[in-house]
């Protein structure tokens, strides 16, 4: 989110579309927004990643974050993914903001009490080759600044680069028990992201956001894209025109608001499945604590005589059981021989 949605939808459609995302379980957002002016000064009124004559230039961090609050996202303390300067280490995308500007931006961010930002640094570095080497150099430098911010990227090999990032955004095929366990060892989180195939059938997106997410233990799920095709639109009566081109757009836009695809509704149901499972897990955990607390209270109330009486009752009960159920007779088997 950095003015791109406003350019696609228009201001009058942006808020209804954002609230539609919230209604379907989307509780955070990726912010493509740079306030770095020259490496030393910052400008929260404009998105300096674009030229002044670009419509997206008018959507600075102040405007973008206000729209996020108005939409209802991040209401429960969810973080946002923050992509600052496009030019990262050796131009491998994102994370190239110099230390002075980064510190200023982060200080202003905290002063405004915005949701926690995850700094997206480099893009899809893999695990070997020049991209991975550039990621190690960049993250080593960022970590040396001692800034109170967590780092993230997508498309990384956890075995080689996991220790440099606090949140690993892996493709759904790369999520495994091994990667989740490794993340726990390194005090990191595993999120998942898919940019293909989410609309090929209804069960897949529902499972991805629901039972699969709960079973694997990932902390975040996202898919491309809510809307990525301006040639696919609908009129006020809901009649669709144009070519979807891909199966990636989850809605078709219209003057009366977004028209959902079946897959978009399946995502909403999947989020509902996840929340139901989360409720049951929380309920069971609370019940276990309550049982332990009640048991502890009972133990404190017992006197020494009470304990002796209970032990005696238990011993008598075991004796009665032994009398009613005598041990079975031992049957000895001897092999027949010709000797």
C-alpha atoms as a PDB file:
ATOM      1  CA  UNK A   1       0.000   0.000   0.000  1.00  0.00           C
ATOM      2  CA  UNK A   2       1.677   3.197  -1.112  1.00  0.00           C
ATOM      3  CA  UNK A   3      -0.880   5.019  -3.200  1.00  0.00           C
ATOM      4  CA  UNK A   4      -1.165   2.171  -5.692  1.00  0.00           C
ATOM      5  CA  UNK A   5      -4.596   1.090  -4.439  1.00  0.00           C
ATOM      6  CA  UNK A   6      -5.875   4.631  -4.655  1.00  0.00           C
ATOM      7  CA  UNK A   7      -4.594   4.833  -8.221  1.00  0.00           C
ATOM      8  CA  UNK A   8      -6.441   1.596  -9.091  1.00  0.00           C
ATOM      9  CA  UNK A   9      -9.701   2.171  -7.227  1.00  0.00           C
ATOM     10  CA  UNK A  10      -9.941   5.913  -6.858  1.00  0.00           C
ATOM     11  CA  UNK A  11     -10.258   7.544  -3.447  1.00  0.00           C
ATOM     12  CA  UNK A  12     -14.014   6.986  -3.278  1.00  0.00           C
ATOM     13  CA  UNK A  13     -13.598   3.212  -3.651  1.00  0.00           C
ATOM     14  CA  UNK A  14     -10.483   2.742  -1.558  1.00  0.00           C
ATOM     15  CA  UNK A  15     -12.040   2.692   1.915  1.00  0.00           C
ATOM     16  CA  UNK A  16     -14.894   0.260   1.013  1.00  0.00           C
ATOM     17  CA  UNK A  17     -12.335  -2.067  -0.576  1.00  0.00           C
ATOM     18  CA  UNK A  18     -10.076  -1.836   2.473  1.00  0.00           C
ATOM     19  CA  UNK A  19     -12.996  -2.643   4.764  1.00  0.00           C
ATOM     20  CA  UNK A  20     -13.915  -5.551   2.507  1.00  0.00           C
ATOM     21  CA  UNK A  21     -10.420  -6.936   3.089  1.00  0.00           C
ATOM     22  CA  UNK A  22     -10.918  -6.637   6.852  1.00  0.00           C
ATOM     23  CA  UNK A  23     -14.308  -8.374   6.595  1.00  0.00           C
ATOM     24  CA  UNK A  24     -12.556 -11.276   4.857  1.00  0.00           C
ATOM     25  CA  UNK A  25      -9.944 -11.628   7.595  1.00  0.00           C
ATOM     26  CA  UNK A  26      -7.106  -9.478   6.260  1.00  0.00           C
ATOM     27  CA  UNK A  27      -5.757  -7.787   9.389  1.00  0.00           C
ATOM     28  CA  UNK A  28      -2.522  -6.229   8.150  1.00  0.00           C
ATOM     29  CA  UNK A  29      -0.995  -4.768   4.994  1.00  0.00           C
ATOM     30  CA  UNK A  30       2.290  -4.305   3.151  1.00  0.00           C
ATOM     31  CA  UNK A  31       3.326  -0.646   3.002  1.00  0.00           C
ATOM     32  CA  UNK A  32       5.397   0.345  -0.035  1.00  0.00           C
ATOM     33  CA  UNK A  33       6.287   3.812   1.189  1.00  0.00           C
ATOM     34  CA  UNK A  34       9.530   5.714   1.436  1.00  0.00           C
ATOM     35  CA  UNK A  35       9.932   8.920   3.439  1.00  0.00           C
ATOM     36  CA  UNK A  36      13.683   9.238   2.879  1.00  0.00           C
ATOM     37  CA  UNK A  37      14.437  12.503   1.074  1.00  0.00           C
ATOM     38  CA  UNK A  38      18.222  12.551   0.804  1.00  0.00           C
ATOM     39  CA  UNK A  39      19.527  10.030   3.323  1.00  0.00           C
ATOM     40  CA  UNK A  40      19.373  12.539   6.187  1.00  0.00           C
ATOM     41  CA  UNK A  41      15.942  14.174   6.014  1.00  0.00           C
ATOM     42  CA  UNK A  42      12.491  12.575   5.957  1.00  0.00           C
ATOM     43  CA  UNK A  43       9.112  13.591   4.565  1.00  0.00           C
ATOM     44  CA  UNK A  44       6.030  11.797   5.892  1.00  0.00           C
ATOM     45  CA  UNK A  45       3.682  13.911   3.772  1.00  0.00           C
ATOM     46  CA  UNK A  46       4.884  12.369   0.492  1.00  0.00           C
ATOM     47  CA  UNK A  47       5.972   9.006  -0.845  1.00  0.00           C
ATOM     48  CA  UNK A  48       9.430   9.979  -2.033  1.00  0.00           C
ATOM     49  CA  UNK A  49       9.804   6.694  -3.869  1.00  0.00           C
ATOM     50  CA  UNK A  50       7.896   8.316  -6.749  1.00  0.00           C
ATOM     51  CA  UNK A  51       8.375  11.484  -8.778  1.00  0.00           C
ATOM     52  CA  UNK A  52       6.317  14.553  -7.752  1.00  0.00           C
ATOM     53  CA  UNK A  53       4.177  14.271 -10.903  1.00  0.00           C
ATOM     54  CA  UNK A  54       3.206  10.659 -10.061  1.00  0.00           C
ATOM     55  CA  UNK A  55      -0.241  10.381  -8.324  1.00  0.00           C
ATOM     56  CA  UNK A  56       1.296   8.037  -5.743  1.00  0.00           C
ATOM     57  CA  UNK A  57       3.681  10.778  -4.579  1.00  0.00           C
ATOM     58  CA  UNK A  58       0.803  12.434  -2.671  1.00  0.00           C
ATOM     59  CA  UNK A  59       0.301   9.368  -0.468  1.00  0.00           C
ATOM     60  CA  UNK A  60       2.974   9.739   2.194  1.00  0.00           C
ATOM     61  CA  UNK A  61       3.233   7.635   5.324  1.00  0.00           C
ATOM     62  CA  UNK A  62       0.915   9.984   7.257  1.00  0.00           C
ATOM     63  CA  UNK A  63      -1.883   9.471   4.725  1.00  0.00           C
ATOM     64  CA  UNK A  64      -1.205   5.781   4.230  1.00  0.00           C
ATOM     65  CA  UNK A  65      -1.162   4.916   7.929  1.00  0.00           C
ATOM     66  CA  UNK A  66      -4.331   6.948   8.529  1.00  0.00           C
ATOM     67  CA  UNK A  67      -6.102   4.920   5.835  1.00  0.00           C
ATOM     68  CA  UNK A  68      -4.916   1.703   7.487  1.00  0.00           C
ATOM     69  CA  UNK A  69      -6.409   2.787  10.830  1.00  0.00           C
ATOM     70  CA  UNK A  70      -9.672   3.885   9.184  1.00  0.00           C
ATOM     71  CA  UNK A  71     -10.040   0.520   7.454  1.00  0.00           C
ATOM     72  CA  UNK A  72      -9.877  -1.348  10.770  1.00  0.00           C
ATOM     73  CA  UNK A  73      -6.655  -3.198  10.100  1.00  0.00           C
ATOM     74  CA  UNK A  74      -4.010  -3.688  12.804  1.00  0.00           C
ATOM     75  CA  UNK A  75      -6.633  -3.018  15.482  1.00  0.00           C
ATOM     76  CA  UNK A  76      -5.365  -5.895  17.619  1.00  0.00           C
ATOM     77  CA  UNK A  77      -1.676  -5.043  17.469  1.00  0.00           C
ATOM     78  CA  UNK A  78      -0.784  -6.714  14.164  1.00  0.00           C
ATOM     79  CA  UNK A  79       2.444  -5.455  12.532  1.00  0.00           C
ATOM     80  CA  UNK A  80       2.811  -4.083   9.011  1.00  0.00           C
ATOM     81  CA  UNK A  81       5.408  -5.054   6.424  1.00  0.00           C
ATOM     82  CA  UNK A  82       7.331  -1.914   5.507  1.00  0.00           C
ATOM     83  CA  UNK A  83       9.274  -1.600   2.261  1.00  0.00           C
ATOM     84  CA  UNK A  84      11.310   1.600   2.252  1.00  0.00           C
ATOM     85  CA  UNK A  85      13.953   2.469  -0.343  1.00  0.00           C
ATOM     86  CA  UNK A  86      13.643   0.330  -3.444  1.00  0.00           C
ATOM     87  CA  UNK A  87      17.404   0.123  -3.915  1.00  0.00           C
ATOM     88  CA  UNK A  88      18.897  -2.415  -1.535  1.00  0.00           C
ATOM     89  CA  UNK A  89      22.335  -3.915  -1.351  1.00  0.00           C
ATOM     90  CA  UNK A  90      23.827  -3.984  -4.888  1.00  0.00           C
ATOM     91  CA  UNK A  91      20.340  -3.034  -6.193  1.00  0.00           C
ATOM     92  CA  UNK A  92      18.750  -6.328  -5.126  1.00  0.00           C
ATOM     93  CA  UNK A  93      15.569  -4.468  -4.134  1.00  0.00           C
ATOM     94  CA  UNK A  94      14.501  -2.845  -0.875  1.00  0.00           C
ATOM     95  CA  UNK A  95      16.264  -2.008   2.336  1.00  0.00           C
ATOM     96  CA  UNK A  96      18.711   0.569   1.027  1.00  0.00           C
ATOM     97  CA  UNK A  97      17.733   3.421   3.368  1.00  0.00           C
ATOM     98  CA  UNK A  98      20.867   4.940   4.995  1.00  0.00           C
ATOM     99  CA  UNK A  99      21.204   4.742   8.776  1.00  0.00           C
ATOM    100  CA  UNK A 100      20.454   8.445   9.569  1.00  0.00           C
ATOM    101  CA  UNK A 101      17.216   8.460   7.562  1.00  0.00           C
ATOM    102  CA  UNK A 102      16.189   5.039   8.854  1.00  0.00           C
ATOM    103  CA  UNK A 103      16.630   6.178  12.474  1.00  0.00           C
ATOM    104  CA  UNK A 104      14.627   9.365  11.804  1.00  0.00           C
ATOM    105  CA  UNK A 105      11.808   7.460  10.106  1.00  0.00           C
ATOM    106  CA  UNK A 106      11.634   4.860  12.832  1.00  0.00           C
ATOM    107  CA  UNK A 107      11.668   7.521  15.558  1.00  0.00           C
ATOM    108  CA  UNK A 108       8.798   9.403  13.930  1.00  0.00           C
ATOM    109  CA  UNK A 109       6.967   6.104  13.394  1.00  0.00           C
ATOM    110  CA  UNK A 110       7.172   5.274  17.101  1.00  0.00           C
ATOM    111  CA  UNK A 111       6.245   8.814  18.158  1.00  0.00           C
ATOM    112  CA  UNK A 112       3.035   8.498  16.155  1.00  0.00           C
ATOM    113  CA  UNK A 113       2.343   5.124  17.841  1.00  0.00           C
ATOM    114  CA  UNK A 114       1.733   3.350  14.557  1.00  0.00           C
ATOM    115  CA  UNK A 115       1.617  -0.479  14.329  1.00  0.00           C
ATOM    116  CA  UNK A 116       4.961  -2.259  14.670  1.00  0.00           C
ATOM    117  CA  UNK A 117       6.843  -2.234  11.343  1.00  0.00           C
ATOM    118  CA  UNK A 118       8.737  -5.204   9.926  1.00  0.00           C
ATOM    119  CA  UNK A 119      11.572  -3.932   7.754  1.00  0.00           C
ATOM    120  CA  UNK A 120      11.532  -5.785   4.429  1.00  0.00           C
ATOM    121  CA  UNK A 121      15.195  -5.900   3.399  1.00  0.00           C
ATOM    122  CA  UNK A 122      16.260  -7.390   0.030  1.00  0.00           C
ATOM    123  CA  UNK A 123      13.879  -9.515  -2.002  1.00  0.00           C
ATOM    124  CA  UNK A 124      14.016 -13.296  -2.465  1.00  0.00           C
ATOM    125  CA  UNK A 125      17.719 -13.723  -1.654  1.00  0.00           C
ATOM    126  CA  UNK A 126      17.612 -17.524  -1.760  1.00  0.00           C
ATOM    127  CA  UNK A 127      20.505 -19.192   0.023  1.00  0.00           C
ATOM    128  CA  UNK A 128      23.547 -18.993  -2.240  1.00  0.00           C
ATOM    129  CA  UNK A 129      25.089 -16.824  -4.914  1.00  0.00           C
ATOM    130  CA  UNK A 130      25.416 -13.032  -5.132  1.00  0.00           C
ATOM    131  CA  UNK A 131      21.881 -12.256  -3.899  1.00  0.00           C
ATOM    132  CA  UNK A 132      22.396 -14.248  -0.707  1.00  0.00           C
ATOM    133  CA  UNK A 133      25.815 -12.674  -0.164  1.00  0.00           C
ATOM    134  CA  UNK A 134      24.319  -9.200  -0.624  1.00  0.00           C
ATOM    135  CA  UNK A 135      21.561 -10.037   1.878  1.00  0.00           C
ATOM    136  CA  UNK A 136      24.110 -11.099   4.487  1.00  0.00           C
ATOM    137  CA  UNK A 137      26.072  -7.872   4.009  1.00  0.00           C
ATOM    138  CA  UNK A 138      22.978  -5.684   4.232  1.00  0.00           C
ATOM    139  CA  UNK A 139      21.430  -7.419   7.234  1.00  0.00           C
ATOM    140  CA  UNK A 140      24.732  -7.469   9.115  1.00  0.00           C
ATOM    141  CA  UNK A 141      24.943  -3.716   8.643  1.00  0.00           C
ATOM    142  CA  UNK A 142      21.300  -3.060   9.625  1.00  0.00           C
ATOM    143  CA  UNK A 143      21.619  -5.226  12.740  1.00  0.00           C
ATOM    144  CA  UNK A 144      24.777  -3.336  13.746  1.00  0.00           C
ATOM    145  CA  UNK A 145      22.742  -0.118  13.978  1.00  0.00           C
ATOM    146  CA  UNK A 146      20.889  -1.561  16.979  1.00  0.00           C
ATOM    147  CA  UNK A 147      17.494  -0.300  15.836  1.00  0.00           C
ATOM    148  CA  UNK A 148      14.394  -1.680  17.584  1.00  0.00           C
ATOM    149  CA  UNK A 149      12.899  -3.191  14.445  1.00  0.00           C
ATOM    150  CA  UNK A 150      12.415  -6.732  13.201  1.00  0.00           C
ATOM    151  CA  UNK A 151      13.535  -7.708   9.710  1.00  0.00           C
ATOM    152  CA  UNK A 152      11.854  -9.857   7.090  1.00  0.00           C
ATOM    153  CA  UNK A 153      12.028 -11.021   3.489  1.00  0.00           C
ATOM    154  CA  UNK A 154      10.509 -13.620   1.194  1.00  0.00           C
ATOM    155  CA  UNK A 155      12.145 -16.437  -0.714  1.00  0.00           C
ATOM    156  CA  UNK A 156      15.026 -17.124   1.653  1.00  0.00           C
ATOM    157  CA  UNK A 157      16.761 -20.358   2.572  1.00  0.00           C
ATOM    158  CA  UNK A 158      16.323 -20.620   6.367  1.00  0.00           C
ATOM    159  CA  UNK A 159      19.318 -22.905   6.728  1.00  0.00           C
ATOM    160  CA  UNK A 160      21.742 -20.256   5.495  1.00  0.00           C
ATOM    161  CA  UNK A 161      19.973 -16.902   6.016  1.00  0.00           C
ATOM    162  CA  UNK A 162      17.449 -17.636   8.753  1.00  0.00           C
ATOM    163  CA  UNK A 163      19.598 -16.147  11.508  1.00  0.00           C
ATOM    164  CA  UNK A 164      19.632 -12.769   9.744  1.00  0.00           C
ATOM    165  CA  UNK A 165      15.839 -12.346   9.589  1.00  0.00           C
ATOM    166  CA  UNK A 166      13.207 -12.298  12.325  1.00  0.00           C
ATOM    167  CA  UNK A 167      10.302 -13.249  10.048  1.00  0.00           C
ATOM    168  CA  UNK A 168      10.643 -15.720   7.165  1.00  0.00           C
ATOM    169  CA  UNK A 169       8.049 -15.400   4.409  1.00  0.00           C
ATOM    170  CA  UNK A 170       8.161 -18.734   2.608  1.00  0.00           C
ATOM    171  CA  UNK A 171       6.169 -20.114  -0.287  1.00  0.00           C
ATOM    172  CA  UNK A 172       3.616 -22.656   0.876  1.00  0.00           C
ATOM    173  CA  UNK A 173       5.727 -25.444  -0.649  1.00  0.00           C
ATOM    174  CA  UNK A 174       8.712 -24.417   1.466  1.00  0.00           C
ATOM    175  CA  UNK A 175       6.897 -24.627   4.805  1.00  0.00           C
ATOM    176  CA  UNK A 176       7.774 -27.812   6.676  1.00  0.00           C
ATOM    177  CA  UNK A 177       8.079 -29.102  10.221  1.00  0.00           C
ATOM    178  CA  UNK A 178      11.824 -28.647   9.902  1.00  0.00           C
ATOM    179  CA  UNK A 179      11.582 -24.962   8.956  1.00  0.00           C
ATOM    180  CA  UNK A 180       9.023 -24.212  11.684  1.00  0.00           C
ATOM    181  CA  UNK A 181      11.188 -25.939  14.309  1.00  0.00           C
ATOM    182  CA  UNK A 182      14.282 -24.092  13.099  1.00  0.00           C
ATOM    183  CA  UNK A 183      12.400 -20.802  13.367  1.00  0.00           C
ATOM    184  CA  UNK A 184      11.518 -21.565  16.985  1.00  0.00           C
ATOM    185  CA  UNK A 185      15.164 -22.319  17.754  1.00  0.00           C
ATOM    186  CA  UNK A 186      16.210 -18.974  16.259  1.00  0.00           C
ATOM    187  CA  UNK A 187      13.312 -17.056  17.860  1.00  0.00           C
ATOM    188  CA  UNK A 188      11.886 -16.284  14.418  1.00  0.00           C
ATOM    189  CA  UNK A 189       8.454 -16.605  12.818  1.00  0.00           C
ATOM    190  CA  UNK A 190       7.361 -18.397   9.640  1.00  0.00           C
ATOM    191  CA  UNK A 191       4.798 -16.717   7.400  1.00  0.00           C
ATOM    192  CA  UNK A 192       3.657 -17.943   4.015  1.00  0.00           C
ATOM    193  CA  UNK A 193       2.863 -16.205   0.752  1.00  0.00           C
ATOM    194  CA  UNK A 194       1.478 -17.479  -2.535  1.00  0.00           C
ATOM    195  CA  UNK A 195       1.288 -15.630  -5.840  1.00  0.00           C
ATOM    196  CA  UNK A 196      -0.064 -18.403  -8.057  1.00  0.00           C
ATOM    197  CA  UNK A 197      -2.955 -20.802  -8.220  1.00  0.00           C
ATOM    198  CA  UNK A 198      -5.014 -19.572  -5.287  1.00  0.00           C
ATOM    199  CA  UNK A 199      -8.120 -19.319  -7.484  1.00  0.00           C
ATOM    200  CA  UNK A 200      -7.894 -22.657  -9.246  1.00  0.00           C
ATOM    201  CA  UNK A 201     -10.368 -24.228  -6.837  1.00  0.00           C
ATOM    202  CA  UNK A 202     -12.307 -23.298  -3.728  1.00  0.00           C
ATOM    203  CA  UNK A 203     -10.961 -25.856  -1.196  1.00  0.00           C
ATOM    204  CA  UNK A 204      -7.340 -24.772  -1.624  1.00  0.00           C
ATOM    205  CA  UNK A 205      -7.614 -21.145  -0.440  1.00  0.00           C
ATOM    206  CA  UNK A 206      -9.930 -22.162   2.396  1.00  0.00           C
ATOM    207  CA  UNK A 207      -7.444 -24.782   3.605  1.00  0.00           C
ATOM    208  CA  UNK A 208      -4.476 -22.437   3.097  1.00  0.00           C
ATOM    209  CA  UNK A 209      -5.931 -19.780   5.388  1.00  0.00           C
ATOM    210  CA  UNK A 210      -7.595 -22.259   7.731  1.00  0.00           C
ATOM    211  CA  UNK A 211      -6.668 -25.805   8.723  1.00  0.00           C
ATOM    212  CA  UNK A 212      -3.332 -25.832   6.876  1.00  0.00           C
ATOM    213  CA  UNK A 213      -2.220 -22.617   8.601  1.00  0.00           C
ATOM    214  CA  UNK A 214      -3.311 -23.963  11.985  1.00  0.00           C
ATOM    215  CA  UNK A 215      -1.647 -27.339  11.428  1.00  0.00           C
ATOM    216  CA  UNK A 216       1.704 -25.972  10.265  1.00  0.00           C
ATOM    217  CA  UNK A 217       1.908 -23.220  12.876  1.00  0.00           C
ATOM    218  CA  UNK A 218       2.671 -20.369  10.452  1.00  0.00           C
ATOM    219  CA  UNK A 219       2.040 -16.920  11.905  1.00  0.00           C
ATOM    220  CA  UNK A 220       0.842 -15.174   8.755  1.00  0.00           C
ATOM    221  CA  UNK A 221      -0.755 -16.012   5.397  1.00  0.00           C
ATOM    222  CA  UNK A 222      -1.037 -13.824   2.299  1.00  0.00           C
ATOM    223  CA  UNK A 223      -1.788 -14.260  -1.384  1.00  0.00           C
ATOM    224  CA  UNK A 224      -1.487 -12.146  -4.509  1.00  0.00           C
ATOM    225  CA  UNK A 225      -3.647 -10.297  -5.208  1.00  0.00           C
ATOM    226  CA  UNK A 226      -6.765  -8.565  -4.006  1.00  0.00           C
ATOM    227  CA  UNK A 227      -7.011  -6.747  -7.345  1.00  0.00           C
ATOM    228  CA  UNK A 228      -4.281  -6.498  -9.950  1.00  0.00           C
ATOM    229  CA  UNK A 229      -6.085  -6.012 -13.272  1.00  0.00           C
ATOM    230  CA  UNK A 230      -7.637  -2.693 -14.226  1.00  0.00           C
ATOM    231  CA  UNK A 231      -9.082  -4.217 -17.424  1.00  0.00           C
ATOM    232  CA  UNK A 232     -11.569  -6.283 -15.386  1.00  0.00           C
ATOM    233  CA  UNK A 233     -14.386  -4.095 -14.048  1.00  0.00           C
ATOM    234  CA  UNK A 234     -18.141  -4.102 -13.473  1.00  0.00           C
ATOM    235  CA  UNK A 235     -20.862  -1.459 -13.801  1.00  0.00           C
ATOM    236  CA  UNK A 236     -23.326  -0.310 -11.144  1.00  0.00           C
ATOM    237  CA  UNK A 237     -25.652  -3.211 -11.992  1.00  0.00           C
ATOM    238  CA  UNK A 238     -22.900  -5.746 -11.484  1.00  0.00           C
ATOM    239  CA  UNK A 239     -22.374  -6.621 -15.144  1.00  0.00           C
ATOM    240  CA  UNK A 240     -18.734  -7.537 -15.669  1.00  0.00           C
ATOM    241  CA  UNK A 241     -16.709  -6.355 -18.639  1.00  0.00           C
ATOM    242  CA  UNK A 242     -13.141  -6.895 -19.722  1.00  0.00           C
ATOM    243  CA  UNK A 243     -10.798  -9.817 -19.397  1.00  0.00           C
ATOM    244  CA  UNK A 244      -9.630 -11.159 -15.996  1.00  0.00           C
ATOM    245  CA  UNK A 245      -6.408 -12.138 -17.803  1.00  0.00           C
ATOM    246  CA  UNK A 246      -5.258 -14.160 -14.812  1.00  0.00           C
ATOM    247  CA  UNK A 247      -6.806 -16.028 -11.912  1.00  0.00           C
ATOM    248  CA  UNK A 248      -5.043 -13.799  -9.423  1.00  0.00           C
ATOM    249  CA  UNK A 249      -7.514 -10.962  -8.761  1.00  0.00           C
ATOM    250  CA  UNK A 250      -9.759 -11.901  -5.845  1.00  0.00           C
ATOM    251  CA  UNK A 251     -12.407  -9.285  -6.619  1.00  0.00           C
ATOM    252  CA  UNK A 252     -13.783  -7.328  -9.544  1.00  0.00           C
ATOM    253  CA  UNK A 253     -14.271  -3.620  -8.843  1.00  0.00           C
ATOM    254  CA  UNK A 254     -17.537  -1.771  -9.453  1.00  0.00           C
ATOM    255  CA  UNK A 255     -18.992   1.652  -8.525  1.00  0.00           C
ATOM    256  CA  UNK A 256     -20.960  -0.030  -5.743  1.00  0.00           C
ATOM    257  CA  UNK A 257     -17.999  -1.822  -4.233  1.00  0.00           C
ATOM    258  CA  UNK A 258     -15.944  -4.945  -4.892  1.00  0.00           C
ATOM    259  CA  UNK A 259     -17.576  -8.060  -6.355  1.00  0.00           C
ATOM    260  CA  UNK A 260     -16.049 -11.166  -4.726  1.00  0.00           C
ATOM    261  CA  UNK A 261     -14.871 -14.280  -6.498  1.00  0.00           C
ATOM    262  CA  UNK A 262     -15.716 -17.680  -5.037  1.00  0.00           C
ATOM    263  CA  UNK A 263     -12.085 -18.016  -3.949  1.00  0.00           C
ATOM    264  CA  UNK A 264     -12.291 -14.727  -2.026  1.00  0.00           C
ATOM    265  CA  UNK A 265     -15.276 -16.061  -0.079  1.00  0.00           C
ATOM    266  CA  UNK A 266     -13.368 -19.306   0.506  1.00  0.00           C
ATOM    267  CA  UNK A 267     -10.529 -17.287   2.051  1.00  0.00           C
ATOM    268  CA  UNK A 268     -13.018 -15.670   4.436  1.00  0.00           C
ATOM    269  CA  UNK A 269     -14.301 -19.104   5.444  1.00  0.00           C
ATOM    270  CA  UNK A 270     -10.738 -20.347   5.922  1.00  0.00           C
ATOM    271  CA  UNK A 271      -9.967 -17.454   8.253  1.00  0.00           C
ATOM    272  CA  UNK A 272     -13.118 -18.391  10.169  1.00  0.00           C
ATOM    273  CA  UNK A 273     -11.880 -21.993  10.448  1.00  0.00           C
ATOM    274  CA  UNK A 274      -8.550 -20.783  11.798  1.00  0.00           C
ATOM    275  CA  UNK A 275     -10.176 -18.521  14.364  1.00  0.00           C
ATOM    276  CA  UNK A 276     -12.442 -21.354  15.517  1.00  0.00           C
ATOM    277  CA  UNK A 277      -9.456 -23.650  16.012  1.00  0.00           C
ATOM    278  CA  UNK A 278      -7.616 -20.858  17.791  1.00  0.00           C
ATOM    279  CA  UNK A 279     -10.599 -20.405  20.124  1.00  0.00           C
ATOM    280  CA  UNK A 280     -10.672 -24.130  20.938  1.00  0.00           C
ATOM    281  CA  UNK A 281      -6.927 -24.185  21.633  1.00  0.00           C
ATOM    282  CA  UNK A 282      -7.204 -21.162  23.913  1.00  0.00           C
ATOM    283  CA  UNK A 283     -10.206 -22.729  25.673  1.00  0.00           C
ATOM    284  CA  UNK A 284      -8.356 -25.999  26.285  1.00  0.00           C
ATOM    285  CA  UNK A 285      -5.281 -24.177  27.569  1.00  0.00           C
ATOM    286  CA  UNK A 286      -7.443 -22.152  29.945  1.00  0.00           C
ATOM    287  CA  UNK A 287      -9.198 -25.329  31.140  1.00  0.00           C
ATOM    288  CA  UNK A 288      -5.859 -26.984  31.917  1.00  0.00           C
ATOM    289  CA  UNK A 289      -4.771 -23.977  33.960  1.00  0.00           C
ATOM    290  CA  UNK A 290      -8.091 -23.968  35.796  1.00  0.00           C
ATOM    291  CA  UNK A 291      -7.832 -27.679  36.632  1.00  0.00           C
ATOM    292  CA  UNK A 292      -4.305 -27.203  37.950  1.00  0.00           C
ATOM    293  CA  UNK A 293      -5.412 -24.198  40.021  1.00  0.00           C
ATOM    294  CA  UNK A 294      -8.383 -26.034  41.539  1.00  0.00           C
ATOM    295  CA  UNK A 295      -6.237 -29.065  42.281  1.00  0.00           C
ATOM    296  CA  UNK A 296      -3.694 -26.861  44.002  1.00  0.00           C
ATOM    297  CA  UNK A 297      -6.397 -25.230  46.118  1.00  0.00           C
ATOM    298  CA  UNK A 298      -7.652 -28.656  47.203  1.00  0.00           C
ATOM    299  CA  UNK A 299      -4.169 -29.754  48.207  1.00  0.00           C
ATOM    300  CA  UNK A 300      -3.732 -26.667  50.375  1.00  0.00           C
ATOM    301  CA  UNK A 301      -6.984 -27.406  52.251  1.00  0.00           C
ATOM    302  CA  UNK A 302      -6.040 -30.980  53.169  1.00  0.00           C
ATOM    303  CA  UNK A 303      -4.615 -31.630  56.640  1.00  0.00           C
ATOM    304  CA  UNK A 304      -2.217 -34.456  57.482  1.00  0.00           C
ATOM    305  CA  UNK A 305      -5.129 -36.499  58.850  1.00  0.00           C
ATOM    306  CA  UNK A 306      -7.100 -35.910  55.624  1.00  0.00           C
ATOM    307  CA  UNK A 307      -4.214 -37.181  53.539  1.00  0.00           C
ATOM    308  CA  UNK A 308      -3.793 -40.255  55.745  1.00  0.00           C
ATOM    309  CA  UNK A 309      -7.504 -41.039  55.457  1.00  0.00           C
ATOM    310  CA  UNK A 310      -7.432 -40.670  51.663  1.00  0.00           C
ATOM    311  CA  UNK A 311      -4.350 -42.891  51.396  1.00  0.00           C
ATOM    312  CA  UNK A 312      -6.093 -45.518  53.541  1.00  0.00           C
ATOM    313  CA  UNK A 313      -9.201 -45.417  51.351  1.00  0.00           C
ATOM    314  CA  UNK A 314      -7.080 -45.852  48.254  1.00  0.00           C
ATOM    315  CA  UNK A 315      -5.276 -48.824  49.797  1.00  0.00           C
ATOM    316  CA  UNK A 316      -8.584 -50.477  50.775  1.00  0.00           C
ATOM    317  CA  UNK A 317      -9.955 -49.926  47.301  1.00  0.00           C
ATOM    318  CA  UNK A 318      -6.934 -51.627  45.739  1.00  0.00           C
ATOM    319  CA  UNK A 319      -7.295 -54.574  48.142  1.00  0.00           C
ATOM    320  CA  UNK A 320     -10.969 -55.061  47.280  1.00  0.00           C
ATOM    321  CA  UNK A 321     -10.161 -55.012  43.575  1.00  0.00           C
ATOM    322  CA  UNK A 322      -7.479 -57.652  44.137  1.00  0.00           C
ATOM    323  CA  UNK A 323      -9.974 -59.865  46.017  1.00  0.00           C
ATOM    324  CA  UNK A 324     -12.631 -59.597  43.310  1.00  0.00           C
ATOM    325  CA  UNK A 325     -10.120 -60.131  40.519  1.00  0.00           C
ATOM    326  CA  UNK A 326      -7.683 -62.846  41.613  1.00  0.00           C
ATOM    327  CA  UNK A 327      -4.610 -63.274  39.467  1.00  0.00           C
ATOM    328  CA  UNK A 328      -5.138 -65.647  36.536  1.00  0.00           C
ATOM    329  CA  UNK A 329      -3.849 -69.185  36.832  1.00  0.00           C
ATOM    330  CA  UNK A 330      -0.533 -69.750  35.161  1.00  0.00           C
ATOM    331  CA  UNK A 331      -0.826 -72.148  32.240  1.00  0.00           C
ATOM    332  CA  UNK A 332       2.429 -73.890  31.476  1.00  0.00           C
ATOM    333  CA  UNK A 333       3.020 -75.170  27.975  1.00  0.00           C
ATOM    334  CA  UNK A 334       5.411 -77.990  27.302  1.00  0.00           C
ATOM    335  CA  UNK A 335       6.474 -78.954  23.846  1.00  0.00           C
ATOM    336  CA  UNK A 336       5.854 -82.536  22.783  1.00  0.00           C
ATOM    337  CA  UNK A 337       8.949 -84.427  21.700  1.00  0.00           C
ATOM    338  CA  UNK A 338       9.615 -87.846  20.229  1.00  0.00           C
ATOM    339  CA  UNK A 339      12.380 -88.495  22.739  1.00  0.00           C
END
